[in-house]
Amino acid sequence: MYSVGMIRTHTFLPEPMISALKILSEKTGLSVAELIRRALSEYLKRQK
């Protein structure tokens, strides 16, 4: 899906946000990391 290499990062998120991401991950079958990547991608597109 990604044409560039990945770089590992560490981010601190509030517990309620992590809980919501885990629930969404279970519902969608996507990893929490993938959900975060998609959300950041959408956010960055809107900033242009």
PDB file of N, CA and C in Angstrom:
ATOM      1  N   MET A   1       0.820  -1.190   0.000  1.00  0.00           N
ATOM      2  CA  MET A   1       0.000   0.000   0.000  1.00  0.00           C
ATOM      3  C   MET A   1       0.865   1.256   0.000  1.00  0.00           C
ATOM      4  N   TYR A   2       2.003   1.215   0.670  1.00  0.00           N
ATOM      5  CA  TYR A   2       2.875   2.381   0.761  1.00  0.00           C
ATOM      6  C   TYR A   2       4.077   2.182  -0.136  1.00  0.00           C
ATOM      7  N   SER A   3       4.417   3.228  -0.902  1.00  0.00           N
ATOM      8  CA  SER A   3       5.523   3.114  -1.839  1.00  0.00           C
ATOM      9  C   SER A   3       6.847   3.600  -1.250  1.00  0.00           C
ATOM     10  N   VAL A   4       6.813   4.076  -0.024  1.00  0.00           N
ATOM     11  CA  VAL A   4       8.033   4.545   0.633  1.00  0.00           C
ATOM     12  C   VAL A   4       8.266   3.717   1.893  1.00  0.00           C
ATOM     13  N   GLY A   5       9.509   3.752   2.385  1.00  0.00           N
ATOM     14  CA  GLY A   5       9.829   3.015   3.606  1.00  0.00           C
ATOM     15  C   GLY A   5       9.145   3.625   4.815  1.00  0.00           C
ATOM     16  N   MET A   6       9.054   2.845   5.837  1.00  0.00           N
ATOM     17  CA  MET A   6       8.429   3.296   7.082  1.00  0.00           C
ATOM     18  C   MET A   6       9.516   3.650   8.088  1.00  0.00           C
ATOM     19  N   ILE A   7       9.229   4.625   8.920  1.00  0.00           N
ATOM     20  CA  ILE A   7      10.103   5.008  10.031  1.00  0.00           C
ATOM     21  C   ILE A   7       9.298   4.856  11.307  1.00  0.00           C
ATOM     22  N   ARG A   8       9.841   4.140  12.263  1.00  0.00           N
ATOM     23  CA  ARG A   8       9.153   3.931  13.540  1.00  0.00           C
ATOM     24  C   ARG A   8       9.188   5.212  14.362  1.00  0.00           C
ATOM     25  N   THR A   9       8.046   5.569  14.933  1.00  0.00           N
ATOM     26  CA  THR A   9       7.955   6.735  15.808  1.00  0.00           C
ATOM     27  C   THR A   9       7.243   6.338  17.087  1.00  0.00           C
ATOM     28  N   HIS A  10       7.412   7.128  18.106  1.00  0.00           N
ATOM     29  CA  HIS A  10       6.718   6.924  19.371  1.00  0.00           C
ATOM     30  C   HIS A  10       5.889   8.169  19.651  1.00  0.00           C
ATOM     31  N   THR A  11       4.630   7.965  19.959  1.00  0.00           N
ATOM     32  CA  THR A  11       3.713   9.074  20.208  1.00  0.00           C
ATOM     33  C   THR A  11       2.916   8.766  21.467  1.00  0.00           C
ATOM     34  N   PHE A  12       2.747   9.759  22.297  1.00  0.00           N
ATOM     35  CA  PHE A  12       1.925   9.605  23.494  1.00  0.00           C
ATOM     36  C   PHE A  12       0.522  10.098  23.188  1.00  0.00           C
ATOM     37  N   LEU A  13      -0.470   9.242  23.441  1.00  0.00           N
ATOM     38  CA  LEU A  13      -1.869   9.584  23.196  1.00  0.00           C
ATOM     39  C   LEU A  13      -2.665   9.377  24.478  1.00  0.00           C
ATOM     40  N   PRO A  14      -3.717  10.175  24.668  1.00  0.00           N
ATOM     41  CA  PRO A  14      -4.561   9.992  25.852  1.00  0.00           C
ATOM     42  C   PRO A  14      -5.229   8.614  25.834  1.00  0.00           C
ATOM     43  N   GLU A  15      -5.433   8.044  27.001  1.00  0.00           N
ATOM     44  CA  GLU A  15      -6.025   6.711  27.125  1.00  0.00           C
ATOM     45  C   GLU A  15      -7.369   6.605  26.405  1.00  0.00           C
ATOM     46  N   PRO A  16      -8.280   7.602  26.517  1.00  0.00           N
ATOM     47  CA  PRO A  16      -9.554   7.470  25.798  1.00  0.00           C
ATOM     48  C   PRO A  16      -9.375   7.365  24.278  1.00  0.00           C
ATOM     49  N   MET A  17      -8.359   8.023  23.746  1.00  0.00           N
ATOM     50  CA  MET A  17      -8.098   7.956  22.308  1.00  0.00           C
ATOM     51  C   MET A  17      -7.610   6.559  21.933  1.00  0.00           C
ATOM     52  N   ILE A  18      -6.740   5.991  22.741  1.00  0.00           N
ATOM     53  CA  ILE A  18      -6.248   4.630  22.491  1.00  0.00           C
ATOM     54  C   ILE A  18      -7.399   3.626  22.572  1.00  0.00           C
ATOM     55  N   SER A  19      -8.259   3.797  23.560  1.00  0.00           N
ATOM     56  CA  SER A  19      -9.404   2.889  23.696  1.00  0.00           C
ATOM     57  C   SER A  19     -10.299   2.959  22.471  1.00  0.00           C
ATOM     58  N   ALA A  20     -10.567   4.164  21.998  1.00  0.00           N
ATOM     59  CA  ALA A  20     -11.419   4.337  20.811  1.00  0.00           C
ATOM     60  C   ALA A  20     -10.756   3.720  19.583  1.00  0.00           C
ATOM     61  N   LEU A  21      -9.447   3.886  19.460  1.00  0.00           N
ATOM     62  CA  LEU A  21      -8.722   3.295  18.337  1.00  0.00           C
ATOM     63  C   LEU A  21      -8.765   1.768  18.388  1.00  0.00           C
ATOM     64  N   LYS A  22      -8.631   1.198  19.574  1.00  0.00           N
ATOM     65  CA  LYS A  22      -8.680  -0.263  19.706  1.00  0.00           C
ATOM     66  C   LYS A  22     -10.055  -0.806  19.331  1.00  0.00           C
ATOM     67  N   ILE A  23     -11.108  -0.117  19.734  1.00  0.00           N
ATOM     68  CA  ILE A  23     -12.473  -0.534  19.378  1.00  0.00           C
ATOM     69  C   ILE A  23     -12.659  -0.458  17.867  1.00  0.00           C
ATOM     70  N   LEU A  24     -12.223   0.653  17.269  1.00  0.00           N
ATOM     71  CA  LEU A  24     -12.339   0.810  15.823  1.00  0.00           C
ATOM     72  C   LEU A  24     -11.498  -0.233  15.097  1.00  0.00           C
ATOM     73  N   SER A  25     -10.347  -0.564  15.639  1.00  0.00           N
ATOM     74  CA  SER A  25      -9.492  -1.585  15.058  1.00  0.00           C
ATOM     75  C   SER A  25     -10.204  -2.939  15.024  1.00  0.00           C
ATOM     76  N   GLU A  26     -10.857  -3.283  16.111  1.00  0.00           N
ATOM     77  CA  GLU A  26     -11.599  -4.548  16.168  1.00  0.00           C
ATOM     78  C   GLU A  26     -12.746  -4.563  15.162  1.00  0.00           C
ATOM     79  N   LYS A  27     -13.438  -3.426  15.027  1.00  0.00           N
ATOM     80  CA  LYS A  27     -14.575  -3.345  14.103  1.00  0.00           C
ATOM     81  C   LYS A  27     -14.149  -3.424  12.646  1.00  0.00           C
ATOM     82  N   THR A  28     -13.017  -2.789  12.324  1.00  0.00           N
ATOM     83  CA  THR A  28     -12.599  -2.685  10.928  1.00  0.00           C
ATOM     84  C   THR A  28     -11.619  -3.766  10.490  1.00  0.00           C
ATOM     85  N   GLY A  29     -10.940  -4.376  11.461  1.00  0.00           N
ATOM     86  CA  GLY A  29      -9.912  -5.350  11.123  1.00  0.00           C
ATOM     87  C   GLY A  29      -8.587  -4.702  10.749  1.00  0.00           C
ATOM     88  N   LEU A  30      -8.511  -3.371  10.860  1.00  0.00           N
ATOM     89  CA  LEU A  30      -7.269  -2.648  10.585  1.00  0.00           C
ATOM     90  C   LEU A  30      -6.493  -2.486  11.884  1.00  0.00           C
ATOM     91  N   SER A  31      -5.189  -2.428  11.773  1.00  0.00           N
ATOM     92  CA  SER A  31      -4.380  -2.219  12.971  1.00  0.00           C
ATOM     93  C   SER A  31      -4.540  -0.785  13.466  1.00  0.00           C
ATOM     94  N   VAL A  32      -4.237  -0.584  14.740  1.00  0.00           N
ATOM     95  CA  VAL A  32      -4.258   0.765  15.307  1.00  0.00           C
ATOM     96  C   VAL A  32      -3.284   1.649  14.536  1.00  0.00           C
ATOM     97  N   ALA A  33      -2.117   1.118  14.210  1.00  0.00           N
ATOM     98  CA  ALA A  33      -1.121   1.884  13.461  1.00  0.00           C
ATOM     99  C   ALA A  33      -1.676   2.322  12.105  1.00  0.00           C
ATOM    100  N   GLU A  34      -2.376   1.434  11.423  1.00  0.00           N
ATOM    101  CA  GLU A  34      -2.947   1.770  10.122  1.00  0.00           C
ATOM    102  C   GLU A  34      -4.030   2.838  10.259  1.00  0.00           C
ATOM    103  N   LEU A  35      -4.841   2.741  11.289  1.00  0.00           N
ATOM    104  CA  LEU A  35      -5.858   3.770  11.518  1.00  0.00           C
ATOM    105  C   LEU A  35      -5.215   5.131  11.747  1.00  0.00           C
ATOM    106  N   ILE A  36      -4.140   5.161  12.518  1.00  0.00           N
ATOM    107  CA  ILE A  36      -3.438   6.419  12.775  1.00  0.00           C
ATOM    108  C   ILE A  36      -2.821   6.949  11.491  1.00  0.00           C
ATOM    109  N   ARG A  37      -2.192   6.076  10.695  1.00  0.00           N
ATOM    110  CA  ARG A  37      -1.602   6.511   9.418  1.00  0.00           C
ATOM    111  C   ARG A  37      -2.658   7.113   8.512  1.00  0.00           C
ATOM    112  N   ARG A  38      -3.814   6.467   8.420  1.00  0.00           N
ATOM    113  CA  ARG A  38      -4.881   6.976   7.551  1.00  0.00           C
ATOM    114  C   ARG A  38      -5.419   8.317   8.049  1.00  0.00           C
ATOM    115  N   ALA A  39      -5.580   8.436   9.351  1.00  0.00           N
ATOM    116  CA  ALA A  39      -6.076   9.697   9.911  1.00  0.00           C
ATOM    117  C   ALA A  39      -5.075  10.825   9.664  1.00  0.00           C
ATOM    118  N   LEU A  40      -3.795  10.565   9.872  1.00  0.00           N
ATOM    119  CA  LEU A  40      -2.773  11.582   9.636  1.00  0.00           C
ATOM    120  C   LEU A  40      -2.684  11.949   8.156  1.00  0.00           C
ATOM    121  N   SER A  41      -2.825  10.974   7.292  1.00  0.00           N
ATOM    122  CA  SER A  41      -2.796  11.234   5.865  1.00  0.00           C
ATOM    123  C   SER A  41      -3.935  12.175   5.466  1.00  0.00           C
ATOM    124  N   GLU A  42      -5.133  11.902   5.954  1.00  0.00           N
ATOM    125  CA  GLU A  42      -6.281  12.772   5.665  1.00  0.00           C
ATOM    126  C   GLU A  42      -6.064  14.174   6.212  1.00  0.00           C
ATOM    127  N   TYR A  43      -5.558  14.269   7.429  1.00  0.00           N
ATOM    128  CA  TYR A  43      -5.296  15.563   8.035  1.00  0.00           C
ATOM    129  C   TYR A  43      -4.291  16.366   7.216  1.00  0.00           C
ATOM    130  N   LEU A  44      -3.219  15.709   6.804  1.00  0.00           N
ATOM    131  CA  LEU A  44      -2.182  16.405   6.036  1.00  0.00           C
ATOM    132  C   LEU A  44      -2.693  16.845   4.665  1.00  0.00           C
ATOM    133  N   LYS A  45      -3.548  16.045   4.024  1.00  0.00           N
ATOM    134  CA  LYS A  45      -4.146  16.438   2.739  1.00  0.00           C
ATOM    135  C   LYS A  45      -4.969  17.712   2.904  1.00  0.00           C
ATOM    136  N   ARG A  46      -5.692  17.821   3.995  1.00  0.00           N
ATOM    137  CA  ARG A  46      -6.566  18.983   4.224  1.00  0.00           C
ATOM    138  C   ARG A  46      -5.783  20.245   4.552  1.00  0.00           C
ATOM    139  N   GLN A  47      -4.535  20.105   4.938  1.00  0.00           N
ATOM    140  CA  GLN A  47      -3.729  21.262   5.308  1.00  0.00           C
ATOM    141  C   GLN A  47      -3.097  21.943   4.096  1.00  0.00           C
ATOM    142  N   LYS A  48      -3.178  21.316   2.937  1.00  0.00           N
ATOM    143  CA  LYS A  48      -2.575  21.899   1.728  1.00  0.00           C
ATOM    144  C   LYS A  48      -3.390  23.040   1.192  1.00  0.00           C
TER     145      LYS A  48
END
